[in-house]
Amino acid sequence: MMASANMRTMLEDLRRRIDGNATALISRDGRVLLACMPEGVYIETFGVMCATIFGAAAAANVELHRTPPVRIVIEGDDVRTLIVRTDWNALLVAVVNGSGYHPAVLEPIMRFAGVLTAE
C-alpha cells in the first residue's frame, strides 16, 4: 500500500471529487486504516460494521458457489454507501449524498480501489 500521508491526501481528494460525506480505508477485519469522516462518527464502529457487511455478502456468495462481491451499494432515501474490495486486501468505503449520487461517481471510486485501471 502507498505511504500513509500520500494515501490520506488521495482519500481526501476522492471525497471532494465525489462530493462525499465520508471516505475510509478499512481492513477486512474492520480496523480503520485511514478515514475522512465528519465530526462525531465512531470510526471504529463504522469500520467494523462495513467489514461485517462485506464479509456477510462474501459468505452468502460462497454458499451459492459464486465469487465474492467486488462492491456493495447500500441505498437509503438520502445517502448511498459503497463498500468496494481493493487490490491491496482492504475495503474502500465512500458515503455519498443521495442527491449527489449518479453513475459517474462510481468510476473514480472503482479506480481508486484499483478495480478499474487508468486507460
Protein backbone atom coordinates (compact mmCIF):
# COMPACT_ATOMS: atom_id res chain seq x y z
CA MET A 1 0.00 0.00 0.00
CA MET A 2 1.14 3.58 -0.62
CA ALA A 3 2.65 5.75 2.09
CA SER A 4 0.07 6.81 4.65
CA ALA A 5 0.35 10.61 4.13
CA ASN A 6 0.05 10.24 0.36
CA MET A 7 -2.89 7.86 0.72
CA ARG A 8 -4.66 10.22 3.14
CA THR A 9 -4.32 13.07 0.62
CA MET A 10 -5.69 10.82 -2.12
CA LEU A 11 -8.59 9.72 0.10
CA GLU A 12 -9.48 13.34 0.91
CA ASP A 13 -9.25 14.23 -2.78
CA LEU A 14 -11.59 11.35 -3.66
CA ARG A 15 -14.11 12.53 -1.07
CA ARG A 16 -14.08 16.02 -2.60
CA ARG A 17 -14.32 14.76 -6.20
CA ILE A 18 -17.38 12.63 -5.48
CA ASP A 19 -18.89 15.26 -3.16
CA GLY A 20 -18.93 12.57 -0.48
CA ASN A 21 -19.79 12.76 3.19
CA ALA A 22 -17.07 10.30 4.15
CA THR A 23 -14.39 8.03 2.74
CA ALA A 24 -12.38 5.38 4.53
CA LEU A 25 -9.95 2.54 4.00
CA ILE A 26 -10.80 -0.40 6.24
CA SER A 27 -9.05 -3.72 6.73
CA ARG A 28 -11.07 -6.86 6.07
CA ASP A 29 -11.27 -7.41 9.85
CA GLY A 30 -12.75 -3.94 10.42
CA ARG A 31 -9.74 -1.90 11.52
CA VAL A 32 -9.89 1.64 10.16
CA LEU A 33 -6.64 2.29 8.30
CA LEU A 34 -7.47 5.84 7.17
CA ALA A 35 -10.67 7.86 7.33
CA CYS A 36 -12.08 11.21 6.26
CA MET A 37 -15.18 11.34 8.43
CA PRO A 38 -17.48 14.02 9.80
CA GLU A 39 -17.15 15.00 13.46
CA GLY A 40 -18.88 12.72 15.95
CA VAL A 41 -18.64 9.49 13.96
CA TYR A 42 -17.39 6.48 15.90
CA ILE A 43 -14.98 5.34 13.23
CA GLU A 44 -14.18 2.06 14.96
CA THR A 45 -17.87 1.06 14.92
CA PHE A 46 -18.22 2.28 11.32
CA GLY A 47 -15.24 0.19 10.25
CA VAL A 48 -16.40 -2.99 11.96
CA MET A 49 -19.92 -2.67 10.53
CA CYS A 50 -18.66 -2.08 6.95
CA ALA A 51 -16.32 -5.09 7.18
CA THR A 52 -19.17 -7.20 8.61
CA ILE A 53 -21.50 -6.22 5.76
CA PHE A 54 -18.86 -7.10 3.18
CA GLY A 55 -17.94 -10.35 4.94
CA ALA A 56 -21.58 -11.44 5.15
CA ALA A 57 -22.11 -10.76 1.44
CA ALA A 58 -18.94 -12.69 0.59
CA ALA A 59 -20.07 -15.65 2.72
CA ALA A 60 -23.51 -15.62 1.08
CA ASN A 61 -21.91 -15.69 -2.38
CA VAL A 62 -19.62 -18.57 -1.39
CA GLU A 63 -22.66 -20.54 -0.23
CA LEU A 64 -24.07 -20.05 -3.73
CA HIS A 65 -20.73 -21.17 -5.22
CA ARG A 66 -20.07 -17.69 -6.60
CA THR A 67 -17.16 -15.28 -6.29
CA PRO A 68 -17.10 -12.66 -3.52
CA PRO A 69 -18.61 -9.28 -4.43
CA VAL A 70 -16.47 -6.53 -5.91
CA ARG A 71 -18.71 -3.85 -4.42
CA ILE A 72 -21.80 -3.44 -2.29
CA VAL A 73 -24.09 -0.45 -2.61
CA ILE A 74 -26.34 0.37 0.33
CA GLU A 75 -29.10 2.74 -0.73
CA GLY A 76 -31.06 4.93 1.64
CA ASP A 77 -33.52 7.69 0.90
CA ASP A 78 -30.84 10.36 1.18
CA VAL A 79 -27.50 8.54 1.01
CA ARG A 80 -25.58 5.81 -0.81
CA THR A 81 -22.79 3.87 0.87
CA LEU A 82 -20.40 2.00 -1.40
CA ILE A 83 -18.11 -0.68 0.01
CA VAL A 84 -15.52 -1.74 -2.55
CA ARG A 85 -12.93 -4.51 -2.38
CA THR A 86 -9.50 -3.11 -3.22
CA ASP A 87 -6.48 -4.64 -4.90
CA TRP A 88 -4.50 -4.34 -1.64
CA ASN A 89 -6.76 -6.54 0.52
CA ALA A 90 -8.69 -3.71 2.16
CA LEU A 91 -12.10 -2.12 1.69
CA LEU A 92 -12.74 1.36 0.36
CA VAL A 93 -15.91 2.90 1.76
CA ALA A 94 -17.46 6.01 0.22
CA VAL A 95 -20.60 7.67 1.55
CA VAL A 96 -22.33 9.96 -0.94
CA ASN A 97 -25.45 12.11 -0.57
CA GLY A 98 -28.36 10.53 -2.41
CA SER A 99 -28.97 13.70 -4.37
CA GLY A 100 -25.32 13.74 -5.48
CA TYR A 101 -25.10 10.07 -6.39
CA HIS A 102 -25.07 9.21 -10.06
CA PRO A 103 -23.30 6.54 -12.12
CA ALA A 104 -20.34 8.82 -12.89
CA VAL A 105 -19.46 8.82 -9.16
CA LEU A 106 -18.75 5.09 -9.34
CA GLU A 107 -15.80 5.41 -11.75
CA PRO A 108 -13.42 7.41 -9.51
CA ILE A 109 -14.29 5.17 -6.56
CA MET A 110 -13.58 1.98 -8.50
CA ARG A 111 -10.41 3.49 -10.00
CA PHE A 112 -9.15 4.47 -6.52
CA ALA A 113 -9.79 0.94 -5.28
CA GLY A 114 -7.70 -0.42 -8.14
CA VAL A 115 -10.62 -2.27 -9.68
CA LEU A 116 -10.51 -0.03 -12.78
CA THR A 117 -7.17 0.81 -14.29
CA ALA A 118 -6.20 4.05 -15.98
CA GLU A 119 -6.68 4.00 -19.71
